[in-house]
Structure formats: C-alpha cells, structure tokens
Amino acid sequence: MSEEKSKLVYSTEQAVPRKALPPRQKPTTGTPPAQQQVTVRLEKKGRGGKAVSVISGLQQSRQGMEALLKQFKARLGAGGTIKDNTLEIQGDHRDSLCVLLQEMGHRPKRSGG
C-alpha cells in the first residue's frame, strides 16, 4: 500500500501542535438584575394541555441563561429549555421561580391569573 493513501491514526514520533484558541471574551454584565423587568407567566396553549412556566426579560448571555436554567431545573426537579431568549420550565412553578429570582437580586413580576 502506498504512503499517500494511508491515513495516520496514531504516532509517537512528533507532537501535533494544537490550534491557537481565540481569546476568551469577558461576559457583558449589561443591566443590573434589580433593574431588569423579569416576567414569570404560565402558558398552556399549543402544548397539548401541559403547563409551562415561562421567564422572559432576562438580559444575560447565552452561557448565563444556560447556567440559570440548570440551577432552576435542579432546584425544582423539572425539565426545561431556552427558546427565543426565554426560559421555559415544565410545570406550574411561578411562585417558586419568583422566590428564586428574588434571592438572585431580580425583581420578578408574576403575570396572569
């Protein structure tokens, strides 16, 4: 077999240099949590009758939203996702979410009945 067609899988002869990683960007803090207009509401339409608590108005980076979602899911024992800069938590957890957001320094408003 010729060397041109063979693909090297493993070699101990020479170290392969890693690609240079781009510099890490500092997260933008933006508006302080107390000044953000955070709304917690319940949605049922288009979900087959299942209730979902929706948190909107958070001004955070994607990584910040993911960390916040992970914390909420662990504390509430529920599933959730991020859609269109809103956090969706499965089930009616509006009261618990408002308390958790207040502990973090936000001033959430509970929307709906």
N, C-alpha and C. Protein backbone atom coordinates (compact mmCIF):
# COMPACT_ATOMS: atom_id res chain seq x y z
N MET A 1 0.85 -1.18 0.00
CA MET A 1 0.00 0.00 0.00
C MET A 1 0.89 1.24 0.00
N SER A 2 0.58 2.20 -0.79
CA SER A 2 1.42 3.40 -0.86
C SER A 2 1.16 4.31 0.33
N GLU A 3 2.13 5.15 0.66
CA GLU A 3 2.00 6.03 1.82
C GLU A 3 1.03 7.17 1.57
N GLU A 4 0.78 7.51 0.33
CA GLU A 4 -0.12 8.62 0.00
C GLU A 4 -1.57 8.28 0.37
N LYS A 5 -1.96 7.03 0.24
CA LYS A 5 -3.34 6.65 0.51
C LYS A 5 -3.57 6.27 1.96
N SER A 6 -2.52 6.00 2.72
CA SER A 6 -2.72 5.61 4.11
C SER A 6 -2.96 6.84 4.97
N LYS A 7 -3.79 6.67 5.97
CA LYS A 7 -4.08 7.75 6.89
C LYS A 7 -3.45 7.43 8.23
N LEU A 8 -2.70 8.36 8.77
CA LEU A 8 -2.04 8.17 10.04
C LEU A 8 -3.07 8.26 11.16
N VAL A 9 -3.16 7.24 11.97
CA VAL A 9 -4.11 7.21 13.06
C VAL A 9 -3.44 7.57 14.36
N TYR A 10 -2.22 7.03 14.60
CA TYR A 10 -1.53 7.29 15.86
C TYR A 10 -0.03 7.27 15.60
N SER A 11 0.66 8.21 16.22
CA SER A 11 2.10 8.25 16.08
C SER A 11 2.72 8.80 17.34
N THR A 12 3.86 8.24 17.73
CA THR A 12 4.57 8.75 18.91
C THR A 12 5.81 9.53 18.50
N GLU A 13 6.00 9.73 17.21
CA GLU A 13 7.20 10.38 16.72
C GLU A 13 7.25 11.88 17.02
N GLN A 14 6.16 12.57 16.80
CA GLN A 14 6.20 14.02 16.91
C GLN A 14 4.88 14.52 17.48
N ALA A 15 4.96 15.51 18.35
CA ALA A 15 3.76 16.10 18.92
C ALA A 15 3.07 16.97 17.88
N VAL A 16 1.76 16.87 17.83
CA VAL A 16 0.98 17.67 16.90
C VAL A 16 0.58 18.97 17.60
N PRO A 17 0.92 20.12 17.02
CA PRO A 17 0.57 21.39 17.69
C PRO A 17 -0.94 21.61 17.68
N ARG A 18 -1.44 22.14 18.78
CA ARG A 18 -2.87 22.45 18.87
C ARG A 18 -3.14 23.77 18.19
N LYS A 19 -4.34 23.91 17.72
CA LYS A 19 -4.72 25.19 17.12
C LYS A 19 -4.78 26.25 18.21
N ALA A 20 -4.43 27.45 17.84
CA ALA A 20 -4.49 28.55 18.81
C ALA A 20 -5.95 28.87 19.10
N LEU A 21 -6.31 28.90 20.37
CA LEU A 21 -7.68 29.20 20.76
C LEU A 21 -7.89 30.71 20.75
N PRO A 22 -9.08 31.17 20.36
CA PRO A 22 -9.34 32.60 20.38
C PRO A 22 -9.37 33.10 21.83
N PRO A 23 -9.02 34.36 22.05
CA PRO A 23 -9.04 34.88 23.42
C PRO A 23 -10.45 34.85 23.98
N ARG A 24 -10.54 34.55 25.27
CA ARG A 24 -11.84 34.48 25.93
C ARG A 24 -12.42 35.87 26.11
N GLN A 25 -13.68 36.01 25.77
CA GLN A 25 -14.33 37.30 25.92
C GLN A 25 -14.96 37.39 27.30
N LYS A 26 -14.87 38.56 27.89
CA LYS A 26 -15.49 38.78 29.18
C LYS A 26 -17.00 38.88 28.99
N PRO A 27 -17.77 38.26 29.87
CA PRO A 27 -19.22 38.37 29.74
C PRO A 27 -19.67 39.80 30.02
N THR A 28 -20.61 40.25 29.23
CA THR A 28 -21.13 41.59 29.43
C THR A 28 -22.19 41.54 30.51
N THR A 29 -22.05 42.40 31.49
CA THR A 29 -22.99 42.40 32.60
C THR A 29 -24.29 43.09 32.22
N GLY A 30 -24.21 44.13 31.39
CA GLY A 30 -25.43 44.81 30.97
C GLY A 30 -26.13 45.49 32.12
N THR A 31 -27.42 45.34 32.17
CA THR A 31 -28.24 45.95 33.20
C THR A 31 -28.16 45.14 34.49
N PRO A 32 -28.04 45.82 35.64
CA PRO A 32 -28.04 45.08 36.91
C PRO A 32 -29.35 44.31 37.09
N PRO A 33 -29.32 43.17 37.81
CA PRO A 33 -30.52 42.34 37.96
C PRO A 33 -31.71 43.09 38.53
N ALA A 34 -31.48 44.02 39.45
CA ALA A 34 -32.60 44.73 40.08
C ALA A 34 -33.32 45.66 39.11
N GLN A 35 -32.67 46.03 38.01
CA GLN A 35 -33.27 46.95 37.06
C GLN A 35 -33.87 46.25 35.84
N GLN A 36 -33.76 44.94 35.77
CA GLN A 36 -34.33 44.20 34.65
C GLN A 36 -35.81 43.93 34.92
N GLN A 37 -36.62 44.01 33.88
CA GLN A 37 -38.05 43.72 34.00
C GLN A 37 -38.27 42.25 33.66
N VAL A 38 -38.25 41.40 34.68
CA VAL A 38 -38.39 39.96 34.52
C VAL A 38 -39.84 39.58 34.77
N THR A 39 -40.42 38.83 33.84
CA THR A 39 -41.80 38.40 33.94
C THR A 39 -41.86 36.88 34.00
N VAL A 40 -42.66 36.37 34.93
CA VAL A 40 -42.87 34.92 35.05
C VAL A 40 -44.34 34.65 34.77
N ARG A 41 -44.63 33.87 33.72
CA ARG A 41 -46.02 33.60 33.35
C ARG A 41 -46.21 32.12 33.04
N LEU A 42 -47.47 31.70 32.97
CA LEU A 42 -47.83 30.32 32.69
C LEU A 42 -48.43 30.24 31.30
N GLU A 43 -47.96 29.29 30.50
CA GLU A 43 -48.50 29.07 29.16
C GLU A 43 -49.02 27.64 29.05
N LYS A 44 -50.19 27.49 28.41
CA LYS A 44 -50.76 26.17 28.16
C LYS A 44 -51.10 25.95 26.69
N LYS A 45 -51.28 27.04 25.95
CA LYS A 45 -51.71 26.92 24.56
C LYS A 45 -50.64 26.29 23.69
N GLY A 46 -51.08 25.41 22.80
CA GLY A 46 -50.18 24.78 21.85
C GLY A 46 -49.24 23.76 22.47
N ARG A 47 -49.54 23.29 23.67
CA ARG A 47 -48.67 22.35 24.35
C ARG A 47 -49.43 21.09 24.76
N GLY A 48 -50.55 20.85 24.17
CA GLY A 48 -51.33 19.66 24.48
C GLY A 48 -51.89 19.68 25.90
N GLY A 49 -52.18 20.85 26.43
CA GLY A 49 -52.73 20.96 27.77
C GLY A 49 -51.69 20.96 28.88
N LYS A 50 -50.42 20.80 28.53
CA LYS A 50 -49.36 20.80 29.53
C LYS A 50 -49.00 22.24 29.89
N ALA A 51 -48.76 22.49 31.17
CA ALA A 51 -48.42 23.83 31.64
C ALA A 51 -46.90 24.01 31.63
N VAL A 52 -46.47 25.22 31.22
CA VAL A 52 -45.05 25.57 31.19
C VAL A 52 -44.90 26.95 31.79
N SER A 53 -43.98 27.09 32.75
CA SER A 53 -43.67 28.40 33.33
C SER A 53 -42.62 29.06 32.44
N VAL A 54 -42.89 30.29 32.00
CA VAL A 54 -42.01 31.00 31.08
C VAL A 54 -41.44 32.23 31.78
N ILE A 55 -40.12 32.36 31.75
CA ILE A 55 -39.43 33.52 32.33
C ILE A 55 -38.88 34.33 31.17
N SER A 56 -39.32 35.58 31.06
CA SER A 56 -38.84 36.45 30.00
C SER A 56 -38.31 37.74 30.60
N GLY A 57 -37.50 38.45 29.82
CA GLY A 57 -36.96 39.73 30.25
C GLY A 57 -35.58 39.65 30.87
N LEU A 58 -34.99 38.47 30.93
CA LEU A 58 -33.64 38.35 31.48
C LEU A 58 -32.64 38.85 30.45
N GLN A 59 -31.75 39.71 30.85
CA GLN A 59 -30.73 40.25 29.95
C GLN A 59 -29.39 39.65 30.32
N GLN A 60 -29.15 38.44 29.82
CA GLN A 60 -27.92 37.72 30.11
C GLN A 60 -27.40 37.09 28.82
N SER A 61 -26.13 36.68 28.86
CA SER A 61 -25.55 35.98 27.74
C SER A 61 -26.15 34.57 27.66
N ARG A 62 -25.87 33.90 26.59
CA ARG A 62 -26.38 32.54 26.40
C ARG A 62 -25.86 31.61 27.51
N GLN A 63 -24.58 31.76 27.86
CA GLN A 63 -23.99 30.92 28.89
C GLN A 63 -24.64 31.21 30.25
N GLY A 64 -24.93 32.48 30.51
CA GLY A 64 -25.60 32.85 31.76
C GLY A 64 -27.00 32.27 31.84
N MET A 65 -27.71 32.29 30.70
CA MET A 65 -29.06 31.72 30.66
C MET A 65 -29.00 30.21 30.88
N GLU A 66 -28.01 29.55 30.28
CA GLU A 66 -27.89 28.10 30.45
C GLU A 66 -27.58 27.73 31.90
N ALA A 67 -26.71 28.53 32.54
CA ALA A 67 -26.38 28.26 33.94
C ALA A 67 -27.60 28.47 34.84
N LEU A 68 -28.36 29.52 34.56
CA LEU A 68 -29.57 29.81 35.33
C LEU A 68 -30.60 28.71 35.14
N LEU A 69 -30.78 28.26 33.90
CA LEU A 69 -31.72 27.18 33.61
C LEU A 69 -31.33 25.90 34.35
N LYS A 70 -30.04 25.59 34.34
CA LYS A 70 -29.57 24.38 35.01
C LYS A 70 -29.87 24.46 36.51
N GLN A 71 -29.67 25.64 37.09
CA GLN A 71 -29.93 25.82 38.52
C GLN A 71 -31.42 25.67 38.82
N PHE A 72 -32.28 26.26 37.99
CA PHE A 72 -33.72 26.16 38.20
C PHE A 72 -34.19 24.71 38.07
N LYS A 73 -33.70 24.01 37.06
CA LYS A 73 -34.11 22.62 36.85
C LYS A 73 -33.72 21.75 38.03
N ALA A 74 -32.53 21.99 38.58
CA ALA A 74 -32.08 21.19 39.72
C ALA A 74 -32.88 21.52 40.97
N ARG A 75 -33.16 22.79 41.21
CA ARG A 75 -33.88 23.19 42.42
C ARG A 75 -35.34 22.76 42.39
N LEU A 76 -35.95 22.78 41.19
CA LEU A 76 -37.37 22.47 41.07
C LEU A 76 -37.65 21.03 40.69
N GLY A 77 -36.65 20.31 40.25
CA GLY A 77 -36.85 18.92 39.83
C GLY A 77 -37.73 18.81 38.61
N ALA A 78 -37.51 19.72 37.66
CA ALA A 78 -38.33 19.74 36.45
C ALA A 78 -37.44 19.93 35.23
N GLY A 79 -37.96 19.64 34.07
CA GLY A 79 -37.24 19.85 32.84
C GLY A 79 -37.42 21.27 32.36
N GLY A 80 -36.64 21.65 31.38
CA GLY A 80 -36.76 22.99 30.84
C GLY A 80 -35.87 23.20 29.63
N THR A 81 -36.04 24.36 28.99
CA THR A 81 -35.27 24.69 27.81
C THR A 81 -35.19 26.21 27.65
N ILE A 82 -34.37 26.63 26.69
CA ILE A 82 -34.26 28.04 26.34
C ILE A 82 -34.82 28.20 24.93
N LYS A 83 -35.78 29.10 24.76
CA LYS A 83 -36.36 29.38 23.45
C LYS A 83 -36.54 30.89 23.31
N ASP A 84 -35.98 31.45 22.27
CA ASP A 84 -36.15 32.87 21.94
C ASP A 84 -35.85 33.77 23.14
N ASN A 85 -34.71 33.59 23.80
CA ASN A 85 -34.29 34.39 24.96
C ASN A 85 -35.28 34.32 26.13
N THR A 86 -36.02 33.23 26.22
CA THR A 86 -36.88 32.99 27.38
C THR A 86 -36.54 31.62 27.94
N LEU A 87 -36.73 31.47 29.24
CA LEU A 87 -36.53 30.18 29.88
C LEU A 87 -37.89 29.53 30.05
N GLU A 88 -38.00 28.25 29.71
CA GLU A 88 -39.24 27.51 29.87
C GLU A 88 -38.99 26.36 30.83
N ILE A 89 -39.76 26.33 31.92
CA ILE A 89 -39.66 25.28 32.92
C ILE A 89 -40.97 24.50 32.89
N GLN A 90 -40.89 23.17 32.80
CA GLN A 90 -42.09 22.35 32.72
C GLN A 90 -42.85 22.39 34.05
N GLY A 91 -44.14 22.64 33.96
CA GLY A 91 -45.00 22.66 35.14
C GLY A 91 -45.28 24.08 35.61
N ASP A 92 -46.19 24.20 36.58
CA ASP A 92 -46.56 25.49 37.13
C ASP A 92 -45.67 25.77 38.36
N HIS A 93 -44.58 26.47 38.15
CA HIS A 93 -43.64 26.79 39.21
C HIS A 93 -43.48 28.30 39.37
N ARG A 94 -44.51 29.06 39.06
CA ARG A 94 -44.39 30.52 39.08
C ARG A 94 -43.99 31.06 40.44
N ASP A 95 -44.62 30.60 41.50
CA ASP A 95 -44.31 31.12 42.84
C ASP A 95 -42.87 30.78 43.23
N SER A 96 -42.46 29.55 43.00
CA SER A 96 -41.10 29.13 43.36
C SER A 96 -40.06 29.90 42.54
N LEU A 97 -40.35 30.10 41.25
CA LEU A 97 -39.41 30.83 40.40
C LEU A 97 -39.28 32.29 40.84
N CYS A 98 -40.39 32.90 41.25
CA CYS A 98 -40.33 34.28 41.73
C CYS A 98 -39.46 34.38 42.97
N VAL A 99 -39.59 33.42 43.88
CA VAL A 99 -38.77 33.42 45.09
C VAL A 99 -37.30 33.23 44.74
N LEU A 100 -36.99 32.29 43.85
CA LEU A 100 -35.60 32.05 43.45
C LEU A 100 -34.99 33.27 42.76
N LEU A 101 -35.77 33.91 41.90
CA LEU A 101 -35.27 35.10 41.21
C LEU A 101 -35.04 36.25 42.19
N GLN A 102 -35.90 36.39 43.21
CA GLN A 102 -35.70 37.43 44.21
C GLN A 102 -34.43 37.18 45.00
N GLU A 103 -34.13 35.92 45.31
CA GLU A 103 -32.91 35.58 46.01
C GLU A 103 -31.67 35.95 45.20
N MET A 104 -31.80 35.96 43.87
CA MET A 104 -30.68 36.31 42.99
C MET A 104 -30.56 37.80 42.74
N GLY A 105 -31.48 38.57 43.29
CA GLY A 105 -31.40 40.02 43.14
C GLY A 105 -32.31 40.60 42.08
N HIS A 106 -33.10 39.77 41.41
CA HIS A 106 -34.04 40.26 40.39
C HIS A 106 -35.32 40.74 41.07
N ARG A 107 -36.12 41.48 40.33
CA ARG A 107 -37.43 41.89 40.80
C ARG A 107 -38.48 41.35 39.84
N PRO A 108 -38.85 40.06 39.97
CA PRO A 108 -39.77 39.45 39.02
C PRO A 108 -41.22 39.85 39.26
N LYS A 109 -41.98 39.85 38.16
CA LYS A 109 -43.42 40.09 38.24
C LYS A 109 -44.12 38.81 37.80
N ARG A 110 -45.13 38.43 38.55
CA ARG A 110 -45.91 37.25 38.19
C ARG A 110 -47.03 37.71 37.28
N SER A 111 -47.10 37.15 36.09
CA SER A 111 -48.08 37.57 35.10
C SER A 111 -49.17 36.52 34.99
N GLY A 112 -50.39 36.95 34.76
CA GLY A 112 -51.51 36.03 34.58
C GLY A 112 -52.20 35.73 35.91
N GLY A 113 -53.25 34.90 35.82
CA GLY A 113 -54.08 34.59 36.97
C GLY A 113 -53.49 33.68 37.89
